[in-house]
Amino acid sequence: MKKILYLFLFCFSLSAFGAIDALDFSSAQQEEDYHTLTQQLRCPQCQNNNIADSNATIAVDMRAKVFELLQEGKQKQDIIGYMVERYGNFVTYDPPMTTATAILWIAPMILILFGLFFVISRRSKKVAVQKIAKNEENLTASEQQRLEALLKNKE
């Protein structure tokens, strides 16, 4: 019977590790801002989870910092600015347009246009060579000899 009791107590002690954060907000608006911010900020470690859904150590620290900044009376934009300053634009799901992000959007389009230009120019050269070959077949014997002489002189 003691073994069952110890096993039962052991199982309950493990559930203590799954505790959630109990935060005391000074107002309902502050609590709403907290939940909004933790949904808007991305976890740098998990990369596609917000800090509200992530259990990574850095996400826990970021949630604590959001709570601390809200307790200090900071506005949402100030808190987002703080997180961007500390972790970079990656922590927002909607990063601003910068030179780096512009390059990421424009470079693939430039490469596609370059590829199309390359394919079209290569095809037009092939068509030109085919036209020349077709014209060579229509040359008279004297024109053919003259063409061969010109090609030999060029070499």
Protein backbone atom coordinates (compact mmCIF):
# COMPACT_ATOMS: atom_id res chain seq x y z
CA MET A 1 0.00 0.00 0.00
CA LYS A 2 2.88 2.36 0.76
CA LYS A 3 4.31 1.76 -2.71
CA ILE A 4 1.05 2.82 -4.34
CA LEU A 5 0.90 5.93 -2.15
CA TYR A 6 4.49 6.85 -3.05
CA LEU A 7 3.80 6.27 -6.73
CA PHE A 8 0.69 8.44 -6.50
CA LEU A 9 2.62 11.26 -4.77
CA PHE A 10 5.44 10.96 -7.28
CA CYS A 11 3.00 11.43 -10.16
CA PHE A 12 1.55 14.55 -8.57
CA SER A 13 4.99 15.99 -7.94
CA LEU A 14 5.77 15.69 -11.67
CA SER A 15 2.72 17.75 -12.54
CA ALA A 16 4.23 20.67 -10.63
CA PHE A 17 6.70 21.10 -13.49
CA GLY A 18 3.81 21.80 -15.86
CA ALA A 19 2.63 24.88 -13.96
CA ILE A 20 1.61 27.96 -15.89
CA ASP A 21 2.62 31.53 -15.21
CA ALA A 22 0.36 33.26 -12.69
CA LEU A 23 0.66 36.97 -13.40
CA ASP A 24 -1.05 39.76 -11.50
CA PHE A 25 -2.15 42.50 -13.87
CA SER A 26 -3.21 45.90 -12.61
CA SER A 27 -6.00 46.21 -15.18
CA ALA A 28 -7.92 44.21 -17.75
CA GLN A 29 -6.42 46.38 -20.51
CA GLN A 30 -2.93 45.49 -19.35
CA GLU A 31 -3.78 41.80 -19.45
CA GLU A 32 -5.24 42.17 -22.96
CA ASP A 33 -2.11 44.02 -24.09
CA TYR A 34 0.06 41.25 -22.62
CA HIS A 35 -1.81 38.54 -24.50
CA THR A 36 -1.78 40.57 -27.71
CA LEU A 37 1.96 41.20 -27.49
CA THR A 38 2.84 37.61 -26.69
CA GLN A 39 0.83 36.53 -29.74
CA GLN A 40 2.54 39.13 -31.98
CA LEU A 41 6.15 38.42 -31.00
CA ARG A 42 7.97 35.46 -32.54
CA CYS A 43 10.23 33.17 -30.54
CA PRO A 44 13.83 33.50 -31.83
CA GLN A 45 14.56 29.86 -31.02
CA CYS A 46 11.37 28.19 -32.29
CA GLN A 47 11.26 30.51 -35.32
CA ASN A 48 7.61 29.99 -36.25
CA ASN A 49 5.95 29.98 -32.83
CA ASN A 50 4.94 33.07 -30.96
CA ILE A 51 6.29 33.53 -27.46
CA ALA A 52 2.89 32.70 -25.97
CA ASP A 53 2.96 29.18 -27.45
CA SER A 54 6.66 28.47 -26.99
CA ASN A 55 8.20 26.88 -23.92
CA ALA A 56 11.76 27.72 -24.93
CA THR A 57 13.83 29.45 -22.28
CA ILE A 58 14.16 32.59 -24.37
CA ALA A 59 10.39 32.76 -24.90
CA VAL A 60 9.83 32.49 -21.15
CA ASP A 61 12.33 35.33 -20.63
CA MET A 62 10.64 37.42 -23.34
CA ARG A 63 7.21 36.90 -21.75
CA ALA A 64 8.62 37.98 -18.39
CA LYS A 65 10.16 41.07 -19.99
CA VAL A 66 6.86 41.94 -21.70
CA PHE A 67 5.10 41.67 -18.34
CA GLU A 68 7.79 43.76 -16.65
CA LEU A 69 7.61 46.49 -19.30
CA LEU A 70 3.81 46.57 -19.09
CA GLN A 71 4.09 46.95 -15.30
CA GLU A 72 6.39 49.93 -15.90
CA GLY A 73 3.65 51.54 -17.99
CA LYS A 74 5.23 51.10 -21.43
CA GLN A 75 3.01 51.16 -24.50
CA LYS A 76 2.74 48.28 -26.99
CA GLN A 77 4.90 50.00 -29.61
CA ASP A 78 7.59 50.72 -27.01
CA ILE A 79 7.69 47.07 -26.02
CA ILE A 80 7.82 45.90 -29.65
CA GLY A 81 10.58 48.46 -30.26
CA TYR A 82 12.52 47.11 -27.29
CA MET A 83 12.22 43.53 -28.52
CA VAL A 84 13.21 44.49 -32.09
CA GLU A 85 16.20 46.41 -30.75
CA ARG A 86 17.29 43.43 -28.69
CA TYR A 87 16.46 40.50 -31.02
CA GLY A 88 16.17 42.12 -34.45
CA ASN A 89 13.27 42.47 -36.88
CA PHE A 90 12.86 38.70 -36.88
CA VAL A 91 10.78 38.80 -33.68
CA THR A 92 7.92 40.51 -35.48
CA TYR A 93 5.75 38.60 -37.91
CA ASP A 94 5.48 41.72 -40.10
CA PRO A 95 9.02 43.11 -40.41
CA PRO A 96 9.48 46.59 -41.93
CA MET A 97 10.82 47.08 -45.45
CA THR A 98 14.58 47.54 -45.23
CA THR A 99 17.37 47.23 -47.76
CA ALA A 100 17.94 43.61 -46.76
CA THR A 101 14.28 42.64 -47.10
CA ALA A 102 14.02 44.55 -50.40
CA ILE A 103 16.93 42.52 -51.76
CA LEU A 104 15.23 39.32 -50.64
CA TRP A 105 12.09 40.28 -52.60
CA ILE A 106 13.73 41.80 -55.67
CA ALA A 107 16.63 39.37 -56.25
CA PRO A 108 14.44 36.39 -57.29
CA MET A 109 12.57 38.56 -59.79
CA ILE A 110 15.84 39.82 -61.28
CA LEU A 111 17.13 36.26 -61.55
CA ILE A 112 13.93 35.14 -63.30
CA LEU A 113 14.17 38.03 -65.77
CA PHE A 114 17.85 37.25 -66.39
CA GLY A 115 16.96 33.59 -67.01
CA LEU A 116 14.20 34.55 -69.47
CA PHE A 117 16.56 36.92 -71.28
CA PHE A 118 19.20 34.17 -71.47
CA VAL A 119 16.73 31.61 -72.84
CA ILE A 120 15.29 34.03 -75.41
CA SER A 121 18.71 35.23 -76.61
CA ARG A 122 19.96 31.65 -76.86
CA ARG A 123 16.89 30.68 -78.86
CA SER A 124 17.21 33.64 -81.23
CA LYS A 125 20.86 32.70 -81.91
CA LYS A 126 19.77 29.15 -82.69
CA VAL A 127 17.10 30.44 -85.10
CA ALA A 128 19.69 32.68 -86.79
CA VAL A 129 22.09 29.76 -87.23
CA GLN A 130 19.28 27.68 -88.73
CA LYS A 131 18.46 30.50 -91.18
CA ILE A 132 22.09 30.74 -92.23
CA ALA A 133 22.26 26.98 -92.72
CA LYS A 134 19.09 27.10 -94.78
CA ASN A 135 20.48 29.96 -96.90
CA GLU A 136 23.72 28.06 -97.50
CA GLU A 137 21.73 25.28 -99.12
CA ASN A 138 20.22 27.78 -101.57
CA LEU A 139 23.57 29.21 -102.66
CA THR A 140 24.79 28.67 -106.16
CA ALA A 141 28.13 26.95 -106.69
CA SER A 142 29.98 30.25 -107.28
CA GLU A 143 28.44 31.82 -104.15
CA GLN A 144 29.37 28.75 -102.15
CA GLN A 145 33.00 28.97 -103.34
CA ARG A 146 33.11 32.67 -102.50
CA LEU A 147 31.71 31.96 -99.00
CA GLU A 148 34.35 29.29 -98.41
CA ALA A 149 37.09 31.64 -99.57
CA LEU A 150 35.88 34.36 -97.21
CA LEU A 151 35.77 31.92 -94.32
CA LYS A 152 39.34 30.71 -95.08
CA ASN A 153 40.65 34.29 -95.22
CA LYS A 154 39.01 35.07 -91.90
CA GLU A 155 40.83 32.23 -90.18
